[in-house]
Amino acid sequence: MTRTAERLRAAGAEVVEVTPPYQERLAELEYPTLLSEFHRDIDAYLATREGPRNLAELIRFNRTHPAERTCFAGQELFEQALVAPPTTSPKHRAARAELKDLARRSIDETMAAHHLDAIASPTNPPAWTTDCARGDNDVIPSSTPAAVAGYPSLSVPAGFVNELPVGLLLIAGDHQDTRLLSLGAAVEHRLNAWRAPRYLPSVGPGL
């Protein structure tokens, strides 16, 4: 990100460091809300498939067919989603409304206070090896604010960590899709970091 900021400044962009507000409250609201919506959506999906027809049946299937599960032993997320408030409940609707409002205010107020065209952050960490004991290494949930707010976001190639590609995520305000696509094209051109995908050797445990 430091190198990317330097290259954008060299191209004439004004780059400032920002800390969007309300992040602690957003973190409190986002996960419980996600559980409720996951329960609703996985039930709708499973109803169209053969086998378990809803989340409760899927949990029972996993318990009675351990050999067919993934390497992740637990199904805590499924069990938490099963008991989460339904999306039709007043509790969920209130949390979802507050979540969306704070996500939008977080982006809007940050962009207005610093006169920004977009907010930039790392898209994700470099790709990681699946670890059945510790889970995924998805430690940069940078797409969450725009996704919750319903605002546009765009990832462009930013470079590499060793041989693994990383991206720069750009977030803009409501209905700023066209401006964001134009800005993203300019940033991608300036960074010139795209490389044709290649097959890389597999890495061993702990690498």
N, C-alpha and C. Protein backbone atom coordinates (compact mmCIF):
# COMPACT_ATOMS: atom_id res chain seq x y z
N MET A 1 0.83 -1.20 0.00
CA MET A 1 0.00 0.00 0.00
C MET A 1 0.87 1.26 0.00
N THR A 2 2.00 1.20 0.70
CA THR A 2 2.92 2.35 0.71
C THR A 2 3.47 2.60 -0.68
N ARG A 3 3.88 1.54 -1.35
CA ARG A 3 4.41 1.71 -2.71
C ARG A 3 3.32 2.19 -3.66
N THR A 4 2.11 1.66 -3.50
CA THR A 4 1.01 2.08 -4.36
C THR A 4 0.70 3.55 -4.16
N ALA A 5 0.66 4.01 -2.90
CA ALA A 5 0.40 5.42 -2.62
C ALA A 5 1.48 6.29 -3.25
N GLU A 6 2.73 5.87 -3.17
CA GLU A 6 3.82 6.66 -3.75
C GLU A 6 3.68 6.76 -5.26
N ARG A 7 3.28 5.67 -5.90
CA ARG A 7 3.12 5.69 -7.35
C ARG A 7 1.94 6.56 -7.76
N LEU A 8 0.87 6.54 -6.98
CA LEU A 8 -0.27 7.39 -7.31
C LEU A 8 0.07 8.87 -7.10
N ARG A 9 0.81 9.16 -6.03
CA ARG A 9 1.23 10.55 -5.83
C ARG A 9 2.12 11.01 -6.98
N ALA A 10 3.01 10.15 -7.42
CA ALA A 10 3.89 10.50 -8.54
C ALA A 10 3.11 10.77 -9.81
N ALA A 11 1.92 10.16 -9.92
CA ALA A 11 1.08 10.37 -11.10
C ALA A 11 0.20 11.61 -10.95
N GLY A 12 0.28 12.28 -9.80
CA GLY A 12 -0.47 13.51 -9.60
C GLY A 12 -1.67 13.40 -8.69
N ALA A 13 -1.91 12.21 -8.14
CA ALA A 13 -3.05 12.05 -7.24
C ALA A 13 -2.72 12.58 -5.86
N GLU A 14 -3.73 13.06 -5.15
CA GLU A 14 -3.57 13.44 -3.75
C GLU A 14 -4.04 12.26 -2.91
N VAL A 15 -3.14 11.69 -2.12
CA VAL A 15 -3.43 10.51 -1.31
C VAL A 15 -3.32 10.89 0.16
N VAL A 16 -4.38 10.67 0.92
CA VAL A 16 -4.37 10.98 2.36
C VAL A 16 -4.81 9.73 3.11
N GLU A 17 -4.30 9.56 4.32
CA GLU A 17 -4.69 8.42 5.15
C GLU A 17 -5.95 8.77 5.92
N VAL A 18 -6.92 7.88 5.92
CA VAL A 18 -8.19 8.14 6.59
C VAL A 18 -8.57 6.95 7.47
N THR A 19 -9.40 7.23 8.47
CA THR A 19 -9.96 6.19 9.32
C THR A 19 -11.47 6.40 9.36
N PRO A 20 -12.23 5.66 8.56
CA PRO A 20 -13.68 5.84 8.55
C PRO A 20 -14.29 5.59 9.94
N PRO A 21 -15.30 6.36 10.31
CA PRO A 21 -15.91 6.22 11.64
C PRO A 21 -16.87 5.03 11.73
N TYR A 22 -17.30 4.75 12.94
CA TYR A 22 -18.35 3.78 13.27
C TYR A 22 -17.93 2.33 13.07
N GLN A 23 -16.63 2.06 12.93
CA GLN A 23 -16.21 0.70 12.59
C GLN A 23 -16.51 -0.31 13.70
N GLU A 24 -16.39 0.10 14.95
CA GLU A 24 -16.67 -0.84 16.04
C GLU A 24 -18.14 -1.25 16.05
N ARG A 25 -19.02 -0.28 15.90
CA ARG A 25 -20.44 -0.59 15.88
C ARG A 25 -20.81 -1.41 14.65
N LEU A 26 -20.21 -1.10 13.51
CA LEU A 26 -20.47 -1.87 12.30
C LEU A 26 -20.06 -3.33 12.50
N ALA A 27 -18.92 -3.54 13.16
CA ALA A 27 -18.46 -4.90 13.41
C ALA A 27 -19.42 -5.65 14.34
N GLU A 28 -20.00 -4.94 15.30
CA GLU A 28 -20.96 -5.57 16.21
C GLU A 28 -22.23 -6.00 15.48
N LEU A 29 -22.66 -5.21 14.52
CA LEU A 29 -23.92 -5.45 13.84
C LEU A 29 -23.79 -6.42 12.67
N GLU A 30 -22.66 -6.39 11.98
CA GLU A 30 -22.56 -7.08 10.70
C GLU A 30 -22.66 -8.59 10.83
N TYR A 31 -21.97 -9.18 11.79
CA TYR A 31 -21.94 -10.64 11.89
C TYR A 31 -23.30 -11.23 12.27
N PRO A 32 -23.98 -10.73 13.31
CA PRO A 32 -25.31 -11.27 13.60
C PRO A 32 -26.29 -11.11 12.45
N THR A 33 -26.22 -9.98 11.77
CA THR A 33 -27.10 -9.75 10.63
C THR A 33 -26.81 -10.75 9.52
N LEU A 34 -25.53 -11.00 9.30
CA LEU A 34 -25.13 -11.95 8.27
C LEU A 34 -25.64 -13.35 8.57
N LEU A 35 -25.63 -13.75 9.84
CA LEU A 35 -26.11 -15.08 10.21
C LEU A 35 -27.59 -15.24 9.85
N SER A 36 -28.39 -14.23 10.15
CA SER A 36 -29.82 -14.30 9.83
C SER A 36 -30.05 -14.41 8.33
N GLU A 37 -29.31 -13.61 7.57
CA GLU A 37 -29.51 -13.62 6.12
C GLU A 37 -28.95 -14.89 5.49
N PHE A 38 -27.88 -15.44 6.08
CA PHE A 38 -27.38 -16.72 5.59
C PHE A 38 -28.42 -17.82 5.79
N HIS A 39 -29.05 -17.85 6.96
CA HIS A 39 -30.08 -18.87 7.23
C HIS A 39 -31.20 -18.77 6.19
N ARG A 40 -31.66 -17.57 5.94
CA ARG A 40 -32.72 -17.38 4.94
C ARG A 40 -32.28 -17.86 3.56
N ASP A 41 -31.08 -17.46 3.16
CA ASP A 41 -30.64 -17.71 1.79
C ASP A 41 -30.23 -19.17 1.58
N ILE A 42 -29.61 -19.80 2.58
CA ILE A 42 -29.24 -21.21 2.40
C ILE A 42 -30.48 -22.09 2.37
N ASP A 43 -31.51 -21.72 3.15
CA ASP A 43 -32.77 -22.47 3.08
C ASP A 43 -33.38 -22.36 1.68
N ALA A 44 -33.36 -21.16 1.12
CA ALA A 44 -33.92 -20.97 -0.23
C ALA A 44 -33.14 -21.77 -1.26
N TYR A 45 -31.82 -21.81 -1.12
CA TYR A 45 -31.00 -22.55 -2.08
C TYR A 45 -31.21 -24.06 -1.94
N LEU A 46 -31.14 -24.56 -0.70
CA LEU A 46 -31.26 -26.01 -0.49
C LEU A 46 -32.62 -26.53 -0.93
N ALA A 47 -33.64 -25.70 -0.86
CA ALA A 47 -34.98 -26.12 -1.28
C ALA A 47 -35.03 -26.46 -2.76
N THR A 48 -34.06 -26.01 -3.53
CA THR A 48 -34.01 -26.28 -4.97
C THR A 48 -33.13 -27.47 -5.32
N ARG A 49 -32.50 -28.08 -4.30
CA ARG A 49 -31.53 -29.15 -4.55
C ARG A 49 -32.01 -30.48 -3.98
N GLU A 50 -31.38 -31.54 -4.39
CA GLU A 50 -31.62 -32.84 -3.78
C GLU A 50 -30.81 -32.94 -2.49
N GLY A 51 -31.23 -33.81 -1.57
CA GLY A 51 -30.52 -33.95 -0.31
C GLY A 51 -31.14 -33.08 0.76
N PRO A 52 -30.33 -32.59 1.73
CA PRO A 52 -30.88 -31.74 2.78
C PRO A 52 -31.64 -30.55 2.19
N ARG A 53 -32.83 -30.26 2.74
CA ARG A 53 -33.69 -29.24 2.15
C ARG A 53 -33.66 -27.91 2.88
N ASN A 54 -32.99 -27.89 4.02
CA ASN A 54 -32.85 -26.63 4.76
C ASN A 54 -31.65 -26.74 5.67
N LEU A 55 -31.35 -25.67 6.40
CA LEU A 55 -30.16 -25.64 7.23
C LEU A 55 -30.21 -26.67 8.34
N ALA A 56 -31.36 -26.85 8.97
CA ALA A 56 -31.47 -27.83 10.04
C ALA A 56 -31.16 -29.23 9.52
N GLU A 57 -31.68 -29.58 8.34
CA GLU A 57 -31.40 -30.89 7.76
C GLU A 57 -29.92 -31.02 7.38
N LEU A 58 -29.33 -29.92 6.92
CA LEU A 58 -27.91 -29.96 6.56
C LEU A 58 -27.04 -30.23 7.79
N ILE A 59 -27.37 -29.61 8.91
CA ILE A 59 -26.62 -29.85 10.14
C ILE A 59 -26.76 -31.32 10.55
N ARG A 60 -27.98 -31.85 10.48
CA ARG A 60 -28.18 -33.26 10.83
C ARG A 60 -27.40 -34.18 9.89
N PHE A 61 -27.40 -33.85 8.61
CA PHE A 61 -26.65 -34.65 7.63
C PHE A 61 -25.17 -34.67 7.99
N ASN A 62 -24.60 -33.50 8.31
CA ASN A 62 -23.18 -33.44 8.64
C ASN A 62 -22.86 -34.26 9.88
N ARG A 63 -23.77 -34.27 10.84
CA ARG A 63 -23.53 -35.04 12.06
C ARG A 63 -23.56 -36.54 11.81
N THR A 64 -24.38 -36.97 10.86
CA THR A 64 -24.53 -38.40 10.62
C THR A 64 -23.67 -38.91 9.46
N HIS A 65 -22.99 -38.01 8.77
CA HIS A 65 -22.11 -38.40 7.66
C HIS A 65 -20.74 -37.72 7.82
N PRO A 66 -20.01 -38.01 8.89
CA PRO A 66 -18.75 -37.30 9.15
C PRO A 66 -17.71 -37.51 8.05
N ALA A 67 -17.75 -38.64 7.37
CA ALA A 67 -16.75 -38.90 6.33
C ALA A 67 -16.93 -38.00 5.12
N GLU A 68 -18.12 -37.42 4.95
CA GLU A 68 -18.39 -36.59 3.78
C GLU A 68 -18.23 -35.10 4.08
N ARG A 69 -17.83 -34.77 5.31
CA ARG A 69 -17.62 -33.36 5.64
C ARG A 69 -16.27 -32.89 5.11
N THR A 70 -16.08 -31.60 5.09
CA THR A 70 -14.77 -31.05 4.77
C THR A 70 -13.84 -31.29 5.95
N CYS A 71 -12.62 -30.83 5.83
CA CYS A 71 -11.65 -31.03 6.90
C CYS A 71 -11.97 -30.17 8.13
N PHE A 72 -12.85 -29.19 7.98
CA PHE A 72 -13.24 -28.37 9.13
C PHE A 72 -14.24 -29.16 9.96
N ALA A 73 -13.83 -29.52 11.17
CA ALA A 73 -14.61 -30.47 11.97
C ALA A 73 -15.92 -29.88 12.46
N GLY A 74 -15.90 -28.63 12.90
CA GLY A 74 -17.09 -28.05 13.49
C GLY A 74 -18.03 -27.44 12.47
N GLN A 75 -19.23 -27.15 12.87
CA GLN A 75 -20.18 -26.42 12.03
C GLN A 75 -20.84 -25.33 12.85
N GLU A 76 -19.97 -24.62 13.60
CA GLU A 76 -20.46 -23.59 14.51
C GLU A 76 -21.22 -22.50 13.79
N LEU A 77 -20.76 -22.12 12.60
CA LEU A 77 -21.44 -21.06 11.86
C LEU A 77 -22.86 -21.49 11.48
N PHE A 78 -23.01 -22.75 11.05
CA PHE A 78 -24.33 -23.26 10.73
C PHE A 78 -25.23 -23.22 11.96
N GLU A 79 -24.70 -23.68 13.09
CA GLU A 79 -25.50 -23.75 14.31
C GLU A 79 -25.87 -22.36 14.81
N GLN A 80 -24.96 -21.40 14.69
CA GLN A 80 -25.28 -20.03 15.08
C GLN A 80 -26.35 -19.44 14.16
N ALA A 81 -26.23 -19.72 12.87
CA ALA A 81 -27.22 -19.20 11.92
C ALA A 81 -28.59 -19.81 12.17
N LEU A 82 -28.62 -21.08 12.58
CA LEU A 82 -29.89 -21.77 12.79
C LEU A 82 -30.72 -21.09 13.87
N VAL A 83 -30.07 -20.56 14.91
CA VAL A 83 -30.80 -19.93 16.02
C VAL A 83 -30.83 -18.42 15.93
N ALA A 84 -30.29 -17.86 14.85
CA ALA A 84 -30.32 -16.40 14.68
C ALA A 84 -31.75 -15.93 14.43
N PRO A 85 -32.07 -14.70 14.82
CA PRO A 85 -33.42 -14.18 14.57
C PRO A 85 -33.75 -14.22 13.08
N PRO A 86 -34.97 -14.56 12.70
CA PRO A 86 -35.33 -14.56 11.28
C PRO A 86 -35.27 -13.15 10.69
N THR A 87 -35.09 -13.08 9.40
CA THR A 87 -34.97 -11.77 8.76
C THR A 87 -36.27 -10.98 8.80
N THR A 88 -37.37 -11.64 9.13
CA THR A 88 -38.64 -10.94 9.24
C THR A 88 -38.87 -10.36 10.63
N SER A 89 -37.98 -10.65 11.58
CA SER A 89 -38.19 -10.22 12.96
C SER A 89 -37.85 -8.73 13.12
N PRO A 90 -38.53 -8.03 14.03
CA PRO A 90 -38.20 -6.62 14.29
C PRO A 90 -36.75 -6.43 14.71
N LYS A 91 -36.20 -7.38 15.47
CA LYS A 91 -34.81 -7.26 15.92
C LYS A 91 -33.85 -7.23 14.74
N HIS A 92 -34.05 -8.15 13.80
CA HIS A 92 -33.17 -8.18 12.63
C HIS A 92 -33.36 -6.93 11.77
N ARG A 93 -34.60 -6.56 11.54
CA ARG A 93 -34.85 -5.40 10.68
C ARG A 93 -34.25 -4.13 11.26
N ALA A 94 -34.32 -3.98 12.57
CA ALA A 94 -33.73 -2.80 13.22
C ALA A 94 -32.22 -2.82 13.08
N ALA A 95 -31.61 -3.98 13.30
CA ALA A 95 -30.15 -4.09 13.19
C ALA A 95 -29.71 -3.86 11.75
N ARG A 96 -30.46 -4.41 10.79
CA ARG A 96 -30.09 -4.25 9.38
C ARG A 96 -30.20 -2.79 8.95
N ALA A 97 -31.22 -2.10 9.42
CA ALA A 97 -31.38 -0.68 9.06
C ALA A 97 -30.25 0.16 9.65
N GLU A 98 -29.92 -0.11 10.92
CA GLU A 98 -28.81 0.64 11.54
C GLU A 98 -27.50 0.33 10.84
N LEU A 99 -27.29 -0.92 10.49
CA LEU A 99 -26.06 -1.34 9.83
C LEU A 99 -25.88 -0.62 8.50
N LYS A 100 -26.94 -0.61 7.69
CA LYS A 100 -26.85 0.04 6.38
C LYS A 100 -26.64 1.54 6.53
N ASP A 101 -27.35 2.15 7.48
CA ASP A 101 -27.21 3.59 7.70
C ASP A 101 -25.79 3.95 8.13
N LEU A 102 -25.24 3.20 9.07
CA LEU A 102 -23.89 3.51 9.55
C LEU A 102 -22.84 3.24 8.47
N ALA A 103 -23.03 2.19 7.67
CA ALA A 103 -22.08 1.91 6.60
C ALA A 103 -22.07 3.04 5.59
N ARG A 104 -23.25 3.54 5.24
CA ARG A 104 -23.31 4.66 4.29
C ARG A 104 -22.72 5.93 4.89
N ARG A 105 -23.05 6.20 6.15
CA ARG A 105 -22.51 7.40 6.78
C ARG A 105 -20.99 7.32 6.91
N SER A 106 -20.49 6.13 7.20
CA SER A 106 -19.05 5.95 7.32
C SER A 106 -18.33 6.35 6.04
N ILE A 107 -18.87 5.89 4.91
CA ILE A 107 -18.26 6.22 3.62
C ILE A 107 -18.52 7.67 3.24
N ASP A 108 -19.78 8.11 3.35
CA ASP A 108 -20.13 9.48 2.95
C ASP A 108 -19.36 10.52 3.74
N GLU A 109 -19.32 10.36 5.06
CA GLU A 109 -18.67 11.36 5.90
C GLU A 109 -17.16 11.38 5.68
N THR A 110 -16.57 10.22 5.45
CA THR A 110 -15.13 10.17 5.18
C THR A 110 -14.80 10.87 3.87
N MET A 111 -15.59 10.59 2.84
CA MET A 111 -15.32 11.20 1.54
C MET A 111 -15.56 12.70 1.56
N ALA A 112 -16.59 13.13 2.28
CA ALA A 112 -16.88 14.57 2.36
C ALA A 112 -15.82 15.30 3.17
N ALA A 113 -15.40 14.72 4.28
CA ALA A 113 -14.44 15.39 5.17
C ALA A 113 -13.09 15.60 4.49
N HIS A 114 -12.72 14.68 3.61
CA HIS A 114 -11.39 14.75 2.98
C HIS A 114 -11.47 15.06 1.49
N HIS A 115 -12.68 15.36 0.99
CA HIS A 115 -12.88 15.71 -0.43
C HIS A 115 -12.31 14.62 -1.35
N LEU A 116 -12.75 13.38 -1.13
CA LEU A 116 -12.18 12.24 -1.84
C LEU A 116 -12.99 11.88 -3.08
N ASP A 117 -12.31 11.32 -4.05
CA ASP A 117 -12.98 10.69 -5.19
C ASP A 117 -13.28 9.23 -4.88
N ALA A 118 -12.48 8.62 -4.02
CA ALA A 118 -12.68 7.22 -3.65
C ALA A 118 -11.88 6.91 -2.39
N ILE A 119 -12.27 5.85 -1.71
CA ILE A 119 -11.52 5.33 -0.58
C ILE A 119 -10.80 4.08 -1.08
N ALA A 120 -9.51 3.96 -0.77
CA ALA A 120 -8.71 2.83 -1.25
C ALA A 120 -8.22 2.00 -0.07
N SER A 121 -8.14 0.70 -0.29
CA SER A 121 -7.61 -0.21 0.72
C SER A 121 -7.12 -1.47 0.02
N PRO A 122 -6.36 -2.33 0.72
CA PRO A 122 -6.01 -3.61 0.10
C PRO A 122 -7.29 -4.41 -0.16
N THR A 123 -7.34 -5.10 -1.31
CA THR A 123 -8.50 -5.93 -1.60
C THR A 123 -8.56 -7.12 -0.66
N ASN A 124 -7.49 -7.86 -0.56
CA ASN A 124 -7.38 -9.04 0.30
C ASN A 124 -5.90 -9.27 0.59
N PRO A 125 -5.60 -10.10 1.58
CA PRO A 125 -4.20 -10.52 1.70
C PRO A 125 -3.86 -11.46 0.55
N PRO A 126 -2.58 -11.78 0.34
CA PRO A 126 -2.25 -12.77 -0.68
C PRO A 126 -2.99 -14.08 -0.40
N ALA A 127 -3.22 -14.86 -1.43
CA ALA A 127 -3.92 -16.14 -1.27
C ALA A 127 -3.22 -17.01 -0.23
N TRP A 128 -4.01 -17.71 0.55
CA TRP A 128 -3.46 -18.48 1.66
C TRP A 128 -3.74 -19.97 1.46
N THR A 129 -2.97 -20.79 2.17
CA THR A 129 -3.21 -22.22 2.18
C THR A 129 -4.30 -22.53 3.20
N THR A 130 -5.28 -23.33 2.81
CA THR A 130 -6.34 -23.70 3.74
C THR A 130 -5.76 -24.43 4.94
N ASP A 131 -6.13 -23.99 6.13
CA ASP A 131 -5.65 -24.58 7.37
C ASP A 131 -6.86 -25.08 8.15
N CYS A 132 -6.99 -26.39 8.27
CA CYS A 132 -8.18 -26.95 8.90
C CYS A 132 -8.25 -26.63 10.38
N ALA A 133 -7.12 -26.35 11.00
CA ALA A 133 -7.12 -26.07 12.44
C ALA A 133 -7.44 -24.61 12.71
N ARG A 134 -6.87 -23.70 11.93
CA ARG A 134 -7.01 -22.27 12.20
C ARG A 134 -8.03 -21.57 11.31
N GLY A 135 -8.46 -22.22 10.25
CA GLY A 135 -9.43 -21.59 9.36
C GLY A 135 -8.76 -20.69 8.34
N ASP A 136 -9.54 -19.87 7.68
CA ASP A 136 -9.04 -19.01 6.62
C ASP A 136 -8.30 -17.80 7.19
N ASN A 137 -7.39 -17.29 6.36
CA ASN A 137 -6.60 -16.13 6.74
C ASN A 137 -7.14 -14.86 6.08
N ASP A 138 -8.45 -14.75 6.06
CA ASP A 138 -9.09 -13.61 5.42
C ASP A 138 -9.19 -12.47 6.44
N VAL A 139 -8.08 -11.75 6.61
CA VAL A 139 -7.98 -10.78 7.70
C VAL A 139 -8.22 -9.35 7.23
N ILE A 140 -8.56 -9.16 5.96
CA ILE A 140 -8.78 -7.81 5.45
C ILE A 140 -10.16 -7.77 4.80
N PRO A 141 -11.22 -7.63 5.59
CA PRO A 141 -12.57 -7.63 5.00
C PRO A 141 -12.92 -6.27 4.41
N SER A 142 -12.09 -5.79 3.48
CA SER A 142 -12.22 -4.42 3.01
C SER A 142 -13.45 -4.18 2.16
N SER A 143 -14.04 -5.24 1.61
CA SER A 143 -15.22 -5.05 0.77
C SER A 143 -16.49 -4.89 1.58
N THR A 144 -16.44 -5.14 2.89
CA THR A 144 -17.66 -5.14 3.70
C THR A 144 -18.38 -3.79 3.73
N PRO A 145 -17.70 -2.65 3.97
CA PRO A 145 -18.44 -1.39 4.07
C PRO A 145 -19.28 -1.08 2.83
N ALA A 146 -18.69 -1.24 1.64
CA ALA A 146 -19.45 -0.96 0.43
C ALA A 146 -20.56 -1.97 0.22
N ALA A 147 -20.29 -3.25 0.52
CA ALA A 147 -21.30 -4.28 0.34
C ALA A 147 -22.51 -4.03 1.23
N VAL A 148 -22.27 -3.66 2.48
CA VAL A 148 -23.36 -3.40 3.42
C VAL A 148 -24.11 -2.14 3.03
N ALA A 149 -23.38 -1.13 2.58
CA ALA A 149 -24.00 0.14 2.21
C ALA A 149 -24.74 0.05 0.88
N GLY A 150 -24.39 -0.92 0.04
CA GLY A 150 -24.95 -0.98 -1.30
C GLY A 150 -24.27 -0.01 -2.24
N TYR A 151 -23.02 0.34 -1.92
CA TYR A 151 -22.24 1.28 -2.74
C TYR A 151 -21.30 0.51 -3.66
N PRO A 152 -20.87 1.12 -4.75
CA PRO A 152 -19.98 0.42 -5.68
C PRO A 152 -18.57 0.30 -5.13
N SER A 153 -17.92 -0.81 -5.46
CA SER A 153 -16.51 -1.00 -5.16
C SER A 153 -15.88 -1.73 -6.34
N LEU A 154 -14.59 -1.55 -6.49
CA LEU A 154 -13.88 -2.06 -7.67
C LEU A 154 -12.46 -2.42 -7.27
N SER A 155 -12.01 -3.61 -7.65
CA SER A 155 -10.64 -4.02 -7.36
C SER A 155 -9.80 -3.99 -8.64
N VAL A 156 -8.61 -3.43 -8.54
CA VAL A 156 -7.69 -3.39 -9.68
C VAL A 156 -6.36 -4.02 -9.26
N PRO A 157 -5.61 -4.59 -10.19
CA PRO A 157 -4.33 -5.20 -9.84
C PRO A 157 -3.37 -4.14 -9.28
N ALA A 158 -2.71 -4.49 -8.17
CA ALA A 158 -1.82 -3.54 -7.52
C ALA A 158 -0.38 -4.02 -7.42
N GLY A 159 -0.14 -5.30 -7.64
CA GLY A 159 1.23 -5.80 -7.52
C GLY A 159 1.26 -7.21 -6.97
N PHE A 160 2.39 -7.57 -6.38
CA PHE A 160 2.59 -8.93 -5.93
C PHE A 160 3.30 -8.95 -4.59
N VAL A 161 2.94 -9.93 -3.77
CA VAL A 161 3.71 -10.26 -2.58
C VAL A 161 4.38 -11.59 -2.89
N ASN A 162 5.68 -11.57 -3.07
CA ASN A 162 6.40 -12.69 -3.67
C ASN A 162 5.78 -12.96 -5.03
N GLU A 163 5.19 -14.12 -5.25
CA GLU A 163 4.59 -14.41 -6.56
C GLU A 163 3.07 -14.33 -6.54
N LEU A 164 2.50 -13.90 -5.41
CA LEU A 164 1.05 -13.92 -5.26
C LEU A 164 0.46 -12.53 -5.52
N PRO A 165 -0.55 -12.43 -6.38
CA PRO A 165 -1.11 -11.11 -6.72
C PRO A 165 -1.94 -10.53 -5.58
N VAL A 166 -1.90 -9.21 -5.48
CA VAL A 166 -2.74 -8.48 -4.54
C VAL A 166 -3.40 -7.34 -5.30
N GLY A 167 -4.55 -6.90 -4.77
CA GLY A 167 -5.31 -5.86 -5.45
C GLY A 167 -5.51 -4.63 -4.61
N LEU A 168 -5.93 -3.56 -5.26
CA LEU A 168 -6.30 -2.31 -4.60
C LEU A 168 -7.81 -2.15 -4.76
N LEU A 169 -8.52 -2.06 -3.65
CA LEU A 169 -9.97 -1.90 -3.68
C LEU A 169 -10.32 -0.42 -3.61
N LEU A 170 -11.15 0.03 -4.53
CA LEU A 170 -11.62 1.41 -4.56
C LEU A 170 -13.12 1.42 -4.25
N ILE A 171 -13.52 2.29 -3.33
CA ILE A 171 -14.92 2.42 -2.92
C ILE A 171 -15.37 3.84 -3.21
N ALA A 172 -16.56 3.99 -3.78
CA ALA A 172 -17.12 5.31 -4.06
C ALA A 172 -18.50 5.41 -3.45
N GLY A 173 -19.10 6.60 -3.57
CA GLY A 173 -20.39 6.86 -2.97
C GLY A 173 -21.56 6.32 -3.79
N ASP A 174 -22.75 6.59 -3.31
CA ASP A 174 -23.96 6.07 -3.91
C ASP A 174 -24.11 6.53 -5.36
N HIS A 175 -24.41 5.58 -6.25
CA HIS A 175 -24.63 5.85 -7.67
C HIS A 175 -23.42 6.49 -8.34
N GLN A 176 -22.22 6.18 -7.86
CA GLN A 176 -21.00 6.70 -8.47
C GLN A 176 -20.29 5.62 -9.29
N ASP A 177 -21.05 4.68 -9.81
CA ASP A 177 -20.47 3.55 -10.53
C ASP A 177 -19.65 4.00 -11.74
N THR A 178 -20.20 4.91 -12.53
CA THR A 178 -19.51 5.34 -13.75
C THR A 178 -18.20 6.04 -13.41
N ARG A 179 -18.24 6.95 -12.43
CA ARG A 179 -17.02 7.65 -12.04
C ARG A 179 -16.00 6.68 -11.48
N LEU A 180 -16.46 5.67 -10.73
CA LEU A 180 -15.52 4.72 -10.15
C LEU A 180 -14.87 3.86 -11.23
N LEU A 181 -15.62 3.45 -12.23
CA LEU A 181 -15.03 2.67 -13.32
C LEU A 181 -13.98 3.49 -14.06
N SER A 182 -14.25 4.76 -14.28
CA SER A 182 -13.29 5.63 -14.95
C SER A 182 -12.02 5.80 -14.10
N LEU A 183 -12.23 6.04 -12.81
CA LEU A 183 -11.09 6.19 -11.91
C LEU A 183 -10.30 4.88 -11.84
N GLY A 184 -11.00 3.75 -11.73
CA GLY A 184 -10.31 2.47 -11.66
C GLY A 184 -9.47 2.20 -12.89
N ALA A 185 -10.00 2.55 -14.06
CA ALA A 185 -9.23 2.36 -15.30
C ALA A 185 -7.95 3.20 -15.28
N ALA A 186 -8.06 4.44 -14.77
CA ALA A 186 -6.89 5.31 -14.71
C ALA A 186 -5.86 4.77 -13.71
N VAL A 187 -6.34 4.31 -12.56
CA VAL A 187 -5.43 3.77 -11.55
C VAL A 187 -4.76 2.50 -12.07
N GLU A 188 -5.53 1.62 -12.70
CA GLU A 188 -4.94 0.40 -13.23
C GLU A 188 -3.88 0.71 -14.28
N HIS A 189 -4.14 1.71 -15.11
CA HIS A 189 -3.16 2.10 -16.13
C HIS A 189 -1.88 2.62 -15.49
N ARG A 190 -2.02 3.44 -14.45
CA ARG A 190 -0.84 4.02 -13.80
C ARG A 190 -0.04 2.98 -13.05
N LEU A 191 -0.72 2.06 -12.37
CA LEU A 191 0.00 1.04 -11.60
C LEU A 191 0.64 0.00 -12.51
N ASN A 192 -0.04 -0.31 -13.63
CA ASN A 192 0.51 -1.24 -14.62
C ASN A 192 1.00 -2.52 -13.95
N ALA A 193 0.17 -3.09 -13.08
CA ALA A 193 0.58 -4.24 -12.26
C ALA A 193 -0.01 -5.56 -12.74
N TRP A 194 -0.83 -5.54 -13.79
CA TRP A 194 -1.46 -6.78 -14.23
C TRP A 194 -0.43 -7.71 -14.85
N ARG A 195 -0.56 -8.98 -14.55
CA ARG A 195 0.30 -10.01 -15.14
C ARG A 195 -0.58 -11.20 -15.48
N ALA A 196 -0.34 -11.81 -16.61
CA ALA A 196 -1.15 -12.96 -17.02
C ALA A 196 -1.08 -14.05 -15.95
N PRO A 197 -2.21 -14.68 -15.59
CA PRO A 197 -2.18 -15.73 -14.58
C PRO A 197 -1.26 -16.87 -14.99
N ARG A 198 -0.60 -17.45 -13.97
CA ARG A 198 0.30 -18.57 -14.21
C ARG A 198 0.05 -19.65 -13.17
N TYR A 199 0.38 -20.87 -13.52
CA TYR A 199 0.36 -21.95 -12.54
C TYR A 199 1.64 -21.87 -11.72
N LEU A 200 1.48 -21.82 -10.40
CA LEU A 200 2.63 -21.74 -9.50
C LEU A 200 2.79 -23.06 -8.76
N PRO A 201 4.01 -23.39 -8.39
CA PRO A 201 4.20 -24.62 -7.61
C PRO A 201 3.44 -24.55 -6.29
N SER A 202 2.92 -25.68 -5.85
CA SER A 202 2.22 -25.73 -4.58
C SER A 202 3.22 -25.48 -3.45
N VAL A 203 2.73 -24.87 -2.39
CA VAL A 203 3.59 -24.61 -1.23
C VAL A 203 3.28 -25.61 -0.15
N GLY A 204 4.27 -25.91 0.67
CA GLY A 204 4.08 -26.88 1.73
C GLY A 204 3.44 -26.27 2.95
N PRO A 205 3.14 -27.06 3.97
CA PRO A 205 2.53 -26.55 5.21
C PRO A 205 3.40 -25.49 5.86
N GLY A 206 2.76 -24.44 6.34
CA GLY A 206 3.47 -23.39 7.06
C GLY A 206 4.14 -22.36 6.18
N LEU A 207 4.01 -22.48 4.85
CA LEU A 207 4.65 -21.51 3.95
C LEU A 207 3.64 -20.52 3.43
